[in-house]
C-alpha atoms as a PDB file:
ATOM      1  CA  UNK A   1     -30.907   2.460  23.307  1.00  0.00           C
ATOM      2  CA  UNK A   2     -29.081  -0.828  22.883  1.00  0.00           C
ATOM      3  CA  UNK A   3     -27.793  -1.545  19.405  1.00  0.00           C
ATOM      4  CA  UNK A   4     -27.970  -5.146  18.238  1.00  0.00           C
ATOM      5  CA  UNK A   5     -26.462  -6.409  15.030  1.00  0.00           C
ATOM      6  CA  UNK A   6     -28.355  -9.122  13.252  1.00  0.00           C
ATOM      7  CA  UNK A   7     -26.556 -12.359  12.471  1.00  0.00           C
ATOM      8  CA  UNK A   8     -29.479 -14.677  11.665  1.00  0.00           C
ATOM      9  CA  UNK A   9     -27.314 -17.755  11.041  1.00  0.00           C
ATOM     10  CA  UNK A  10     -25.191 -17.365  14.165  1.00  0.00           C
ATOM     11  CA  UNK A  11     -25.904 -19.721  17.077  1.00  0.00           C
ATOM     12  CA  UNK A  12     -24.092 -17.354  19.464  1.00  0.00           C
ATOM     13  CA  UNK A  13     -26.247 -14.222  19.560  1.00  0.00           C
ATOM     14  CA  UNK A  14     -26.420 -14.094  23.392  1.00  0.00           C
ATOM     15  CA  UNK A  15     -27.888 -10.572  23.499  1.00  0.00           C
ATOM     16  CA  UNK A  16     -27.981 -10.394  27.335  1.00  0.00           C
ATOM     17  CA  UNK A  17     -24.240 -11.071  27.543  1.00  0.00           C
ATOM     18  CA  UNK A  18     -23.478  -8.453  24.857  1.00  0.00           C
ATOM     19  CA  UNK A  19     -25.734  -5.941  26.592  1.00  0.00           C
ATOM     20  CA  UNK A  20     -23.909  -6.519  29.874  1.00  0.00           C
ATOM     21  CA  UNK A  21     -20.519  -6.093  28.209  1.00  0.00           C
ATOM     22  CA  UNK A  22     -21.286  -2.844  26.400  1.00  0.00           C
ATOM     23  CA  UNK A  23     -23.414  -1.349  29.195  1.00  0.00           C
ATOM     24  CA  UNK A  24     -20.617  -1.406  31.765  1.00  0.00           C
ATOM     25  CA  UNK A  25     -19.444   1.868  33.274  1.00  0.00           C
ATOM     26  CA  UNK A  26     -16.092   1.521  31.485  1.00  0.00           C
ATOM     27  CA  UNK A  27     -17.761   1.136  28.089  1.00  0.00           C
ATOM     28  CA  UNK A  28     -20.125   4.050  28.677  1.00  0.00           C
ATOM     29  CA  UNK A  29     -17.372   6.366  29.928  1.00  0.00           C
ATOM     30  CA  UNK A  30     -14.852   5.662  27.171  1.00  0.00           C
ATOM     31  CA  UNK A  31     -12.728   3.257  29.154  1.00  0.00           C
ATOM     32  CA  UNK A  32     -11.087  -0.092  28.503  1.00  0.00           C
ATOM     33  CA  UNK A  33     -12.674  -3.550  28.589  1.00  0.00           C
ATOM     34  CA  UNK A  34     -10.688  -6.763  28.847  1.00  0.00           C
ATOM     35  CA  UNK A  35     -12.200 -10.190  28.351  1.00  0.00           C
ATOM     36  CA  UNK A  36     -10.592 -13.609  28.132  1.00  0.00           C
ATOM     37  CA  UNK A  37     -10.562 -15.022  24.595  1.00  0.00           C
ATOM     38  CA  UNK A  38     -12.104 -18.295  25.790  1.00  0.00           C
ATOM     39  CA  UNK A  39     -14.988 -16.378  27.365  1.00  0.00           C
ATOM     40  CA  UNK A  40     -15.638 -14.486  24.125  1.00  0.00           C
ATOM     41  CA  UNK A  41     -15.499 -17.712  22.093  1.00  0.00           C
ATOM     42  CA  UNK A  42     -17.934 -19.390  24.489  1.00  0.00           C
ATOM     43  CA  UNK A  43     -20.423 -16.509  24.762  1.00  0.00           C
ATOM     44  CA  UNK A  44     -20.617 -14.799  21.338  1.00  0.00           C
ATOM     45  CA  UNK A  45     -17.631 -15.686  19.153  1.00  0.00           C
ATOM     46  CA  UNK A  46     -14.941 -13.359  17.880  1.00  0.00           C
ATOM     47  CA  UNK A  47     -16.722 -12.529  14.602  1.00  0.00           C
ATOM     48  CA  UNK A  48     -19.695 -11.081  16.428  1.00  0.00           C
ATOM     49  CA  UNK A  49     -17.422  -9.254  18.877  1.00  0.00           C
ATOM     50  CA  UNK A  50     -15.541  -7.650  15.969  1.00  0.00           C
ATOM     51  CA  UNK A  51     -18.830  -6.574  14.377  1.00  0.00           C
ATOM     52  CA  UNK A  52     -20.144  -5.108  17.646  1.00  0.00           C
ATOM     53  CA  UNK A  53     -16.908  -3.213  18.296  1.00  0.00           C
ATOM     54  CA  UNK A  54     -16.815  -1.830  14.737  1.00  0.00           C
ATOM     55  CA  UNK A  55     -20.466  -0.764  14.916  1.00  0.00           C
ATOM     56  CA  UNK A  56     -19.638   1.360  17.958  1.00  0.00           C
ATOM     57  CA  UNK A  57     -16.495   2.848  16.439  1.00  0.00           C
ATOM     58  CA  UNK A  58     -14.339   1.296  19.172  1.00  0.00           C
ATOM     59  CA  UNK A  59     -11.042  -0.580  18.755  1.00  0.00           C
ATOM     60  CA  UNK A  60     -10.276  -4.213  19.493  1.00  0.00           C
ATOM     61  CA  UNK A  61      -6.855  -5.657  20.304  1.00  0.00           C
ATOM     62  CA  UNK A  62      -5.740  -9.225  20.884  1.00  0.00           C
ATOM     63  CA  UNK A  63      -3.299  -9.249  23.801  1.00  0.00           C
ATOM     64  CA  UNK A  64      -2.097 -12.692  24.836  1.00  0.00           C
ATOM     65  CA  UNK A  65      -5.119 -14.658  26.059  1.00  0.00           C
ATOM     66  CA  UNK A  66      -7.352 -11.572  26.169  1.00  0.00           C
ATOM     67  CA  UNK A  67      -9.261  -9.227  23.905  1.00  0.00           C
ATOM     68  CA  UNK A  68      -8.939  -5.581  24.879  1.00  0.00           C
ATOM     69  CA  UNK A  69     -11.618  -3.139  23.736  1.00  0.00           C
ATOM     70  CA  UNK A  70     -10.859   0.587  23.751  1.00  0.00           C
ATOM     71  CA  UNK A  71     -14.273   2.205  24.129  1.00  0.00           C
ATOM     72  CA  UNK A  72     -13.663   5.571  22.518  1.00  0.00           C
ATOM     73  CA  UNK A  73     -12.779   7.041  19.136  1.00  0.00           C
ATOM     74  CA  UNK A  74      -9.934   9.300  20.221  1.00  0.00           C
ATOM     75  CA  UNK A  75      -6.455   8.823  18.729  1.00  0.00           C
ATOM     76  CA  UNK A  76      -4.239   6.140  20.257  1.00  0.00           C
ATOM     77  CA  UNK A  77      -0.465   6.367  20.162  1.00  0.00           C
ATOM     78  CA  UNK A  78       1.831   3.473  21.024  1.00  0.00           C
ATOM     79  CA  UNK A  79       4.795   4.788  23.026  1.00  0.00           C
ATOM     80  CA  UNK A  80       7.073   1.742  22.954  1.00  0.00           C
END
């Protein structure tokens, strides 16, 4: 079942794009997603991305020109 958050005043709902992002094999298997910041801004906006990631219990990182989504809830340890 696909989970959609409701942002009635947002012009960037783009449910098909969000579905595609979070229905990838990497997302379903607890992997890593990387998307260009400009792509996120164009398709759904960072506020909606943050809300979608939080709703799933995932983590979101800003790395240079990309957003990196860690699609699991296990502990993460930075080594250096």
